[in-house]
Amino acid sequence: MRLTDKLKQYEQQFMFIRWATGGEYGKLRYVGSDFIEFQIIDVDNMEFSETILIHSGLILEVCIGGSDVARIVAEFSSKISIDN
């Protein structure tokens, strides 16, 4: 199974991705056959800061769960309820 096939199951979810030149928390927007679209969250103000396209061959690590990702989801969710 290819990485992009597995990541397709996690579209529209928050995660941490490390690639060849960096690593960020964000939301996986789209998974294509050779790249992914990843929307980065600025952890200081819990807002989306930029959207990047990452070639799937450059992805080194993907963290879908865990305490750090849960913290980001909780903080982002509380920010949404405050803004509404």
C-alpha atoms as a PDB file:
ATOM      1  CA  MET A   1       0.000   0.000   0.000  1.00  0.00           C
ATOM      2  CA  ARG A   2       1.303   3.453  -0.898  1.00  0.00           C
ATOM      3  CA  LEU A   3       1.391   6.314   1.599  1.00  0.00           C
ATOM      4  CA  THR A   4      -1.066   8.380  -0.433  1.00  0.00           C
ATOM      5  CA  ASP A   5      -3.550   5.489  -0.408  1.00  0.00           C
ATOM      6  CA  LYS A   6      -3.444   5.347   3.388  1.00  0.00           C
ATOM      7  CA  LEU A   7      -3.556   9.139   3.823  1.00  0.00           C
ATOM      8  CA  LYS A   8      -6.688   9.312   1.652  1.00  0.00           C
ATOM      9  CA  GLN A   9      -8.558   7.848   4.644  1.00  0.00           C
ATOM     10  CA  TYR A  10      -7.535  10.848   6.774  1.00  0.00           C
ATOM     11  CA  GLU A  11      -8.536  13.748   4.512  1.00  0.00           C
ATOM     12  CA  GLN A  12     -10.039  16.741   6.381  1.00  0.00           C
ATOM     13  CA  GLN A  13      -8.439  15.675   9.693  1.00  0.00           C
ATOM     14  CA  PHE A  14      -5.842  17.382  11.875  1.00  0.00           C
ATOM     15  CA  MET A  15      -2.375  15.844  12.121  1.00  0.00           C
ATOM     16  CA  PHE A  16       1.342  16.484  12.311  1.00  0.00           C
ATOM     17  CA  ILE A  17       3.387  15.933   9.159  1.00  0.00           C
ATOM     18  CA  ARG A  18       7.175  16.025   8.902  1.00  0.00           C
ATOM     19  CA  TRP A  19       8.679  16.279   5.439  1.00  0.00           C
ATOM     20  CA  ALA A  20      12.185  16.729   4.033  1.00  0.00           C
ATOM     21  CA  THR A  21      12.459  20.452   4.828  1.00  0.00           C
ATOM     22  CA  GLY A  22      10.125  20.944   7.791  1.00  0.00           C
ATOM     23  CA  GLY A  23       7.247  19.743   9.904  1.00  0.00           C
ATOM     24  CA  GLU A  24       3.988  21.348  11.014  1.00  0.00           C
ATOM     25  CA  TYR A  25       0.591  20.744  12.572  1.00  0.00           C
ATOM     26  CA  GLY A  26      -2.337  21.250  10.271  1.00  0.00           C
ATOM     27  CA  LYS A  27      -5.281  19.862   8.386  1.00  0.00           C
ATOM     28  CA  LEU A  28      -4.938  17.455   5.497  1.00  0.00           C
ATOM     29  CA  ARG A  29      -7.117  18.986   2.781  1.00  0.00           C
ATOM     30  CA  TYR A  30      -6.526  16.772  -0.250  1.00  0.00           C
ATOM     31  CA  VAL A  31      -4.537  13.684  -1.164  1.00  0.00           C
ATOM     32  CA  GLY A  32      -3.598  13.259  -4.807  1.00  0.00           C
ATOM     33  CA  SER A  33      -1.657  10.501  -6.503  1.00  0.00           C
ATOM     34  CA  ASP A  34       1.707  12.278  -6.162  1.00  0.00           C
ATOM     35  CA  PHE A  35       1.151  15.185  -3.722  1.00  0.00           C
ATOM     36  CA  ILE A  36      -0.911  16.270  -0.730  1.00  0.00           C
ATOM     37  CA  GLU A  37      -2.473  19.632   0.084  1.00  0.00           C
ATOM     38  CA  PHE A  38      -1.823  20.533   3.710  1.00  0.00           C
ATOM     39  CA  GLN A  39      -3.209  23.582   5.513  1.00  0.00           C
ATOM     40  CA  ILE A  40      -0.796  24.667   8.266  1.00  0.00           C
ATOM     41  CA  ILE A  41      -2.058  25.921  11.639  1.00  0.00           C
ATOM     42  CA  ASP A  42      -0.157  28.642  13.465  1.00  0.00           C
ATOM     43  CA  VAL A  43      -0.085  27.130  16.974  1.00  0.00           C
ATOM     44  CA  ASP A  44       0.303  30.541  18.629  1.00  0.00           C
ATOM     45  CA  ASN A  45      -3.053  31.942  17.490  1.00  0.00           C
ATOM     46  CA  MET A  46      -4.768  28.733  16.249  1.00  0.00           C
ATOM     47  CA  GLU A  47      -5.462  30.105  12.784  1.00  0.00           C
ATOM     48  CA  PHE A  48      -4.614  28.643   9.410  1.00  0.00           C
ATOM     49  CA  SER A  49      -1.482  30.394   8.215  1.00  0.00           C
ATOM     50  CA  GLU A  50      -0.791  28.880   4.795  1.00  0.00           C
ATOM     51  CA  THR A  51      -1.578  26.020   2.459  1.00  0.00           C
ATOM     52  CA  ILE A  52       1.250  23.993   0.990  1.00  0.00           C
ATOM     53  CA  LEU A  53       1.579  21.178  -1.524  1.00  0.00           C
ATOM     54  CA  ILE A  54       3.974  18.419  -0.502  1.00  0.00           C
ATOM     55  CA  HIS A  55       5.273  15.771  -2.867  1.00  0.00           C
ATOM     56  CA  SER A  56       4.400  12.437  -1.293  1.00  0.00           C
ATOM     57  CA  GLY A  57       7.968  11.158  -1.715  1.00  0.00           C
ATOM     58  CA  LEU A  58       9.227  13.875   0.653  1.00  0.00           C
ATOM     59  CA  ILE A  59       6.982  12.926   3.588  1.00  0.00           C
ATOM     60  CA  LEU A  60       9.011  11.385   6.406  1.00  0.00           C
ATOM     61  CA  GLU A  61       6.516  11.129   9.273  1.00  0.00           C
ATOM     62  CA  VAL A  62       2.775  11.443   9.826  1.00  0.00           C
ATOM     63  CA  CYS A  63       1.279  11.621  13.320  1.00  0.00           C
ATOM     64  CA  ILE A  64      -2.495  11.215  13.218  1.00  0.00           C
ATOM     65  CA  GLY A  65      -3.196  10.765  16.940  1.00  0.00           C
ATOM     66  CA  GLY A  66      -1.519  11.311  20.250  1.00  0.00           C
ATOM     67  CA  SER A  67      -1.508  13.947  22.949  1.00  0.00           C
ATOM     68  CA  ASP A  68       0.020  16.733  20.838  1.00  0.00           C
ATOM     69  CA  VAL A  69      -2.484  16.328  18.024  1.00  0.00           C
ATOM     70  CA  ALA A  70      -5.346  16.088  20.560  1.00  0.00           C
ATOM     71  CA  ARG A  71      -4.177  19.358  22.143  1.00  0.00           C
ATOM     72  CA  ILE A  72      -4.169  21.110  18.751  1.00  0.00           C
ATOM     73  CA  VAL A  73      -7.675  19.816  17.968  1.00  0.00           C
ATOM     74  CA  ALA A  74      -8.967  20.930  21.393  1.00  0.00           C
ATOM     75  CA  GLU A  75      -7.439  24.406  21.145  1.00  0.00           C
ATOM     76  CA  PHE A  76      -8.645  24.861  17.574  1.00  0.00           C
ATOM     77  CA  SER A  77     -12.163  23.715  18.559  1.00  0.00           C
ATOM     78  CA  SER A  78     -12.314  26.110  21.502  1.00  0.00           C
ATOM     79  CA  LYS A  79     -11.213  28.951  19.207  1.00  0.00           C
ATOM     80  CA  ILE A  80     -14.113  28.161  16.846  1.00  0.00           C
ATOM     81  CA  SER A  81     -16.697  28.271  19.660  1.00  0.00           C
ATOM     82  CA  ILE A  82     -15.324  31.579  20.977  1.00  0.00           C
ATOM     83  CA  ASP A  83     -15.476  33.195  17.536  1.00  0.00           C
ATOM     84  CA  ASN A  84     -19.100  32.142  16.976  1.00  0.00           C
END
